[in-house]
Amino acid sequence: MYIEIDDKSGFCFGVVKAITKAEESLAELGKVFSLGDIVHNRVEVQRLEKLGLETIAHSHFPELDGQTVLIRAHGEPPTTYALAAAHRIRLIDATCPVVARLQTLVKKAHEQMSGCNGQVVILGKRGHAEVVGLTGQVDGDAIVIETLDDLDNIDFTRPVYLLSQTTQSLALFEEVHRTILERSAAPSQVTVNDTICRQVSNRNPHLKEFVRRFDVVIFVCGRKSSNGKVLYQTCTEANPRCYNIEDEQELQREWFDDCRSVGICGATSTPKWLMQRVADTIRQTIG
C-alpha cells in the first residue's frame, strides 16, 4: 500500500509561532498557563501539557497573581490585557501577526463607520476566540454573520464595512460580499476588506488536487478546529472516501478495503508528527 503525507498540510506560521513561544517559555519557567487551548488539536495540547502547559479560562485570572499566561494565536480583546494587568500577570503574546493586523483593521473600520452612521460587519463564527477578540476591539459594536441568513441583521440603508475572520471560506466571503452589494440601498457606501489568510485559503485548491490522487484519504484534525471543518469539507467533495480522525486510534480497518493508495492531510492546527504517526500506524497494522 502506497502512503503519502501532504507536504503542505500542518501548522500555519501563526500556530508555529505560538507553539514555539510556549516551548521556549516552558523550558525557561517549567510552568506556563495558556488562555484557552493553544491550538485546536487535543493531541498536541496533551503533548504540551506533559511539558508543563496548563489550559485556563479568564475566570482563573484572580488565582494567578504574578504567574505567566500565554495568549494564543487567535488573539484576545483589550479587556483581557487589562484583567491581566490588574492581577500582575505576565503575558506572553503569541497572537498571529495576521490576526493582530486584522484587529487593527477592525478598529479603523469602526472609526470610519462611526463618522457616517455605518456598520462594521464581520464574517465569522460567533463565540470563536478570534471573533471574540475582534469584536472586543470595538466593545462589541460589530455585526457577526455566519450565514447568508444572518444578513437580515444588517440595515442596508446605512453604510457597511465588511471584513472576515482569517480562516473563513473565501467562496462564502465572496457570496456575502455580492449579496450585500445587491441588497444595499447605496452600493457605493459598501466597503469590503478581504482579510482571509491566504496561507489557509490557498490550501483548498491544493487539497482538491491532492485527495483525488488516492483511493482513501485520512484527514487528521481536532474536533474544535474551524479551519479543519472547512478543509475536511473540501476533501470530501473531491474524494468521498475521506475520513476525519483526531489520532491514529480512530482508524478503522474496513476503510481500507480494496485500497492501494492512501493520502494523509490535515488542518493548520494539525502537527506534522501526528500525521506521521497516523501513517506509521497504517503501515504497521493495515498496510
Protein backbone atom coordinates (compact mmCIF):
# COMPACT_ATOMS: atom_id res chain seq x y z
CA MET A 1 0.00 0.00 0.00
CA TYR A 2 1.35 3.41 -1.00
CA ILE A 3 1.05 6.11 1.69
CA GLU A 4 1.83 9.80 1.22
CA ILE A 5 1.62 12.72 3.66
CA ASP A 6 0.64 16.07 2.14
CA ASP A 7 3.69 18.32 2.43
CA LYS A 8 1.53 21.46 2.56
CA SER A 9 -0.63 20.31 5.48
CA GLY A 10 0.22 21.09 9.08
CA PHE A 11 0.73 24.14 11.25
CA CYS A 12 0.42 27.58 9.69
CA PHE A 13 3.08 30.11 10.73
CA GLY A 14 0.77 31.66 13.35
CA VAL A 15 0.41 28.35 15.16
CA VAL A 16 4.13 27.62 14.78
CA LYS A 17 4.85 30.95 16.49
CA ALA A 18 2.53 30.16 19.40
CA ILE A 19 3.86 26.62 19.89
CA THR A 20 7.47 27.84 19.73
CA LYS A 21 6.82 30.57 22.30
CA ALA A 22 5.13 28.03 24.57
CA GLU A 23 8.02 25.56 24.32
CA GLU A 24 10.62 28.27 24.96
CA SER A 25 8.72 29.58 27.98
CA LEU A 26 8.22 26.10 29.39
CA ALA A 27 11.93 25.36 29.05
CA GLU A 28 12.68 28.54 31.00
CA LEU A 29 9.91 28.52 33.59
CA GLY A 30 8.71 24.93 33.83
CA LYS A 31 5.10 26.07 34.23
CA VAL A 32 3.07 28.28 31.89
CA PHE A 33 -0.68 28.85 31.60
CA SER A 34 -2.45 29.05 28.24
CA LEU A 35 -5.60 31.12 27.94
CA GLY A 36 -7.74 28.55 26.14
CA ASP A 37 -6.38 25.65 24.08
CA ILE A 38 -3.15 26.86 22.48
CA VAL A 39 -4.24 25.07 19.33
CA HIS A 40 -7.48 23.30 18.43
CA ASN A 41 -5.86 19.89 18.47
CA ARG A 42 -6.34 17.67 21.51
CA VAL A 43 -3.25 15.53 20.89
CA GLU A 44 -0.89 18.50 20.55
CA VAL A 45 -2.38 20.11 23.67
CA GLN A 46 -1.78 16.89 25.61
CA ARG A 47 1.86 16.85 24.44
CA LEU A 48 2.41 20.38 25.74
CA GLU A 49 0.59 19.64 28.99
CA LYS A 50 3.20 16.98 29.71
CA LEU A 51 5.83 19.73 29.40
CA GLY A 52 4.02 21.90 31.96
CA LEU A 53 1.46 23.89 29.97
CA GLU A 54 -1.91 24.26 31.73
CA THR A 55 -5.02 25.49 29.91
CA ILE A 56 -7.09 28.04 31.81
CA ALA A 57 -10.05 30.37 31.31
CA HIS A 58 -10.41 34.10 32.02
CA SER A 59 -12.18 33.23 35.28
CA HIS A 60 -8.90 31.81 36.62
CA PHE A 61 -7.04 35.14 36.42
CA PRO A 62 -7.73 36.12 40.07
CA GLU A 63 -5.97 32.91 41.17
CA LEU A 64 -2.87 33.54 39.03
CA ASP A 65 -1.40 36.62 40.62
CA GLY A 66 2.17 37.05 39.36
CA GLN A 67 2.03 33.99 37.05
CA THR A 68 2.82 33.74 33.31
CA VAL A 69 -0.04 33.34 30.82
CA LEU A 70 0.26 32.78 27.07
CA ILE A 71 -2.16 34.43 24.65
CA ARG A 72 -2.62 32.01 21.77
CA ALA A 73 -2.62 32.74 18.04
CA HIS A 74 -6.36 33.58 17.98
CA GLY A 75 -5.72 36.81 19.90
CA GLU A 76 -7.68 38.47 22.72
CA PRO A 77 -9.77 41.62 23.28
CA PRO A 78 -8.32 44.62 25.19
CA THR A 79 -10.26 43.62 28.30
CA THR A 80 -8.04 40.56 28.69
CA TYR A 81 -4.89 42.69 28.81
CA ALA A 82 -6.50 44.97 31.38
CA LEU A 83 -7.55 41.99 33.52
CA ALA A 84 -4.02 40.58 33.36
CA ALA A 85 -2.52 43.89 34.44
CA ALA A 86 -4.94 44.10 37.36
CA HIS A 87 -3.65 40.74 38.64
CA ARG A 88 0.04 41.37 37.88
CA ILE A 89 0.03 38.56 35.31
CA ARG A 90 2.92 38.43 32.85
CA LEU A 91 1.59 37.87 29.33
CA ILE A 92 3.36 36.07 26.50
CA ASP A 93 1.58 37.42 23.44
CA ALA A 94 1.56 34.81 20.66
CA THR A 95 -1.23 36.44 18.66
CA CYS A 96 -0.84 35.53 14.99
CA PRO A 97 0.52 38.57 13.08
CA VAL A 98 -2.32 38.22 10.56
CA VAL A 99 -4.90 38.31 13.36
CA ALA A 100 -3.15 41.25 15.06
CA ARG A 101 -3.29 43.20 11.80
CA LEU A 102 -6.99 42.35 11.46
CA GLN A 103 -7.68 43.61 14.98
CA THR A 104 -6.19 46.96 13.97
CA LEU A 105 -8.26 46.99 10.78
CA VAL A 106 -11.47 46.37 12.74
CA LYS A 107 -10.73 49.38 14.95
CA LYS A 108 -10.04 51.57 11.92
CA ALA A 109 -13.20 50.33 10.19
CA HIS A 110 -15.22 51.17 13.29
CA GLU A 111 -13.80 54.68 13.40
CA GLN A 112 -14.68 55.15 9.74
CA MET A 113 -18.23 53.83 10.18
CA SER A 114 -18.80 55.89 13.33
CA GLY A 115 -18.32 59.01 11.24
CA CYS A 116 -21.06 58.10 8.75
CA ASN A 117 -23.60 56.14 10.85
CA GLY A 118 -22.34 52.91 9.30
CA GLN A 119 -21.94 49.32 10.49
CA VAL A 120 -18.95 47.02 10.84
CA VAL A 121 -19.83 43.51 9.63
CA ILE A 122 -17.56 40.53 10.32
CA LEU A 123 -17.98 37.17 8.62
CA GLY A 124 -17.08 34.67 11.32
CA LYS A 125 -18.13 32.07 13.83
CA ARG A 126 -19.86 33.51 16.88
CA GLY A 127 -18.05 32.64 20.08
CA HIS A 128 -14.85 31.65 18.30
CA ALA A 129 -11.81 33.03 20.14
CA GLU A 130 -10.61 35.06 17.15
CA VAL A 131 -14.03 36.62 16.61
CA VAL A 132 -14.39 37.43 20.32
CA GLY A 133 -11.03 39.18 20.10
CA LEU A 134 -12.10 41.11 17.00
CA THR A 135 -15.44 42.34 18.31
CA GLY A 136 -13.76 43.17 21.61
CA GLN A 137 -11.63 45.76 19.82
CA VAL A 138 -14.78 47.85 19.36
CA ASP A 139 -16.64 46.95 22.57
CA GLY A 140 -18.89 44.53 20.69
CA ASP A 141 -20.18 47.18 18.27
CA ALA A 142 -19.99 44.93 15.21
CA ILE A 143 -22.38 42.58 13.46
CA VAL A 144 -21.13 38.98 13.22
CA ILE A 145 -22.62 36.87 10.44
CA GLU A 146 -22.14 33.14 9.92
CA THR A 147 -24.51 32.52 7.01
CA LEU A 148 -26.40 34.46 4.35
CA ASP A 149 -29.49 34.33 6.58
CA ASP A 150 -27.67 36.48 9.13
CA LEU A 151 -27.51 39.33 6.61
CA ASP A 152 -31.03 40.24 7.74
CA ASN A 153 -29.36 41.78 10.81
CA ILE A 154 -27.80 44.48 8.63
CA ASP A 155 -29.53 47.82 7.96
CA PHE A 156 -28.99 48.12 4.22
CA THR A 157 -30.00 51.78 4.20
CA ARG A 158 -26.74 52.55 6.06
CA PRO A 159 -23.08 52.22 5.03
CA VAL A 160 -21.42 48.83 5.58
CA TYR A 161 -17.80 47.85 6.14
CA LEU A 162 -17.27 44.10 5.60
CA LEU A 163 -14.31 42.10 6.97
CA SER A 164 -13.76 38.44 7.77
CA GLN A 165 -12.33 36.09 10.35
CA THR A 166 -8.98 34.95 8.94
CA THR A 167 -9.97 31.29 8.49
CA GLN A 168 -13.34 31.74 6.79
CA SER A 169 -14.23 30.26 3.42
CA LEU A 170 -13.19 32.54 0.56
CA ALA A 171 -16.18 31.36 -1.50
CA LEU A 172 -18.60 32.27 1.30
CA PHE A 173 -16.95 35.66 1.76
CA GLU A 174 -17.37 36.43 -1.94
CA GLU A 175 -21.02 35.34 -1.80
CA VAL A 176 -21.66 37.53 1.24
CA HIS A 177 -19.94 40.45 -0.48
CA ARG A 178 -22.04 40.01 -3.61
CA THR A 179 -25.30 39.73 -1.64
CA ILE A 180 -24.57 42.85 0.42
CA LEU A 181 -23.96 44.84 -2.75
CA GLU A 182 -27.23 43.56 -4.23
CA ARG A 183 -29.25 44.44 -1.14
CA SER A 184 -27.60 47.76 -0.31
CA ALA A 185 -29.57 50.94 -0.95
CA ALA A 186 -26.27 52.59 -1.89
CA PRO A 187 -23.65 50.06 -3.10
CA SER A 188 -21.06 52.85 -3.31
CA GLN A 189 -21.25 53.04 0.50
CA VAL A 190 -20.20 49.40 0.94
CA THR A 191 -16.52 48.94 1.84
CA VAL A 192 -15.02 45.46 1.62
CA ASN A 193 -11.70 44.30 3.05
CA ASP A 194 -10.81 40.69 2.28
CA THR A 195 -8.96 39.69 5.47
CA ILE A 196 -8.92 35.91 4.92
CA CYS A 197 -5.47 34.42 5.45
CA ARG A 198 -4.19 33.13 2.13
CA GLN A 199 -1.93 30.60 3.84
CA VAL A 200 -5.20 29.00 4.93
CA SER A 201 -7.47 29.65 1.94
CA ASN A 202 -4.83 28.59 -0.62
CA ARG A 203 -4.88 25.11 0.85
CA ASN A 204 -8.34 24.47 -0.57
CA PRO A 205 -7.37 24.17 -4.26
CA HIS A 206 -4.21 22.25 -3.35
CA LEU A 207 -6.16 19.75 -1.22
CA LYS A 208 -8.66 19.14 -4.01
CA GLU A 209 -5.82 18.05 -6.27
CA PHE A 210 -4.07 16.07 -3.54
CA VAL A 211 -7.03 13.95 -2.39
CA ARG A 212 -8.09 13.00 -5.93
CA ARG A 213 -4.84 11.05 -6.33
CA PHE A 214 -5.68 8.42 -3.68
CA ASP A 215 -8.14 5.59 -3.12
CA VAL A 216 -8.55 6.64 0.54
CA VAL A 217 -7.77 9.90 2.33
CA ILE A 218 -7.27 10.30 6.07
CA PHE A 219 -7.82 13.88 7.25
CA VAL A 220 -6.30 14.49 10.67
CA CYS A 221 -7.56 17.39 12.80
CA GLY A 222 -9.03 18.31 16.16
CA ARG A 223 -12.79 18.34 16.58
CA LYS A 224 -12.68 22.01 17.67
CA SER A 225 -10.83 23.24 14.59
CA SER A 226 -12.94 25.63 12.48
CA ASN A 227 -10.29 25.55 9.77
CA GLY A 228 -10.35 21.76 9.92
CA LYS A 229 -14.09 21.65 9.27
CA VAL A 230 -13.71 23.82 6.16
CA LEU A 231 -10.76 21.86 4.77
CA TYR A 232 -12.34 18.48 5.51
CA GLN A 233 -15.44 19.55 3.58
CA THR A 234 -13.16 20.42 0.66
CA CYS A 235 -11.61 16.96 0.84
CA THR A 236 -14.90 15.05 0.94
CA GLU A 237 -16.24 16.98 -2.04
CA ALA A 238 -13.21 15.92 -4.09
CA ASN A 239 -12.96 12.36 -2.73
CA PRO A 240 -15.91 10.68 -0.93
CA ARG A 241 -13.56 8.09 0.64
CA CYS A 242 -12.18 10.69 3.01
CA TYR A 243 -12.25 10.06 6.77
CA ASN A 244 -11.72 12.56 9.59
CA ILE A 245 -9.81 11.42 12.69
CA GLU A 246 -8.18 13.10 15.68
CA ASP A 247 -5.48 10.46 16.11
CA GLU A 248 -4.41 7.00 14.93
CA GLN A 249 -6.62 5.19 17.46
CA GLU A 250 -9.71 6.16 15.43
CA LEU A 251 -8.55 4.36 12.29
CA GLN A 252 -10.88 1.57 11.12
CA ARG A 253 -9.61 -1.35 9.06
CA GLU A 254 -12.70 -1.53 6.80
CA TRP A 255 -11.93 1.94 5.41
CA PHE A 256 -9.02 0.42 3.54
CA ASP A 257 -10.81 -2.43 1.75
CA ASP A 258 -9.63 -2.64 -1.88
CA CYS A 259 -7.27 0.25 -1.19
CA ARG A 260 -3.91 0.60 -2.93
CA SER A 261 -3.07 4.21 -2.03
CA VAL A 262 -3.66 6.45 1.00
CA GLY A 263 -3.25 10.20 1.27
CA ILE A 264 -2.84 11.81 4.70
CA CYS A 265 -3.50 15.50 5.21
CA GLY A 266 -4.68 17.87 7.92
CA ALA A 267 -5.63 21.33 9.13
CA THR A 268 -3.48 24.33 10.00
CA SER A 269 -3.74 23.15 13.61
CA THR A 270 -2.51 19.60 12.90
CA PRO A 271 1.13 18.81 13.81
CA LYS A 272 3.29 17.03 11.24
CA TRP A 273 4.41 14.48 13.82
CA LEU A 274 0.79 13.38 14.34
CA MET A 275 0.21 12.83 10.61
CA GLN A 276 3.42 10.81 10.54
CA ARG A 277 2.20 8.69 13.45
CA VAL A 278 -1.04 8.01 11.57
CA ALA A 279 0.94 6.95 8.50
CA ASP A 280 3.15 4.64 10.58
CA THR A 281 0.09 3.01 12.18
CA ILE A 282 -1.50 2.34 8.79
CA ARG A 283 1.73 0.73 7.55
CA GLN A 284 2.14 -1.42 10.64
CA THR A 285 -1.43 -2.57 11.25
CA ILE A 286 -3.23 -2.30 7.89
CA GLY A 287 -0.79 -1.95 5.01
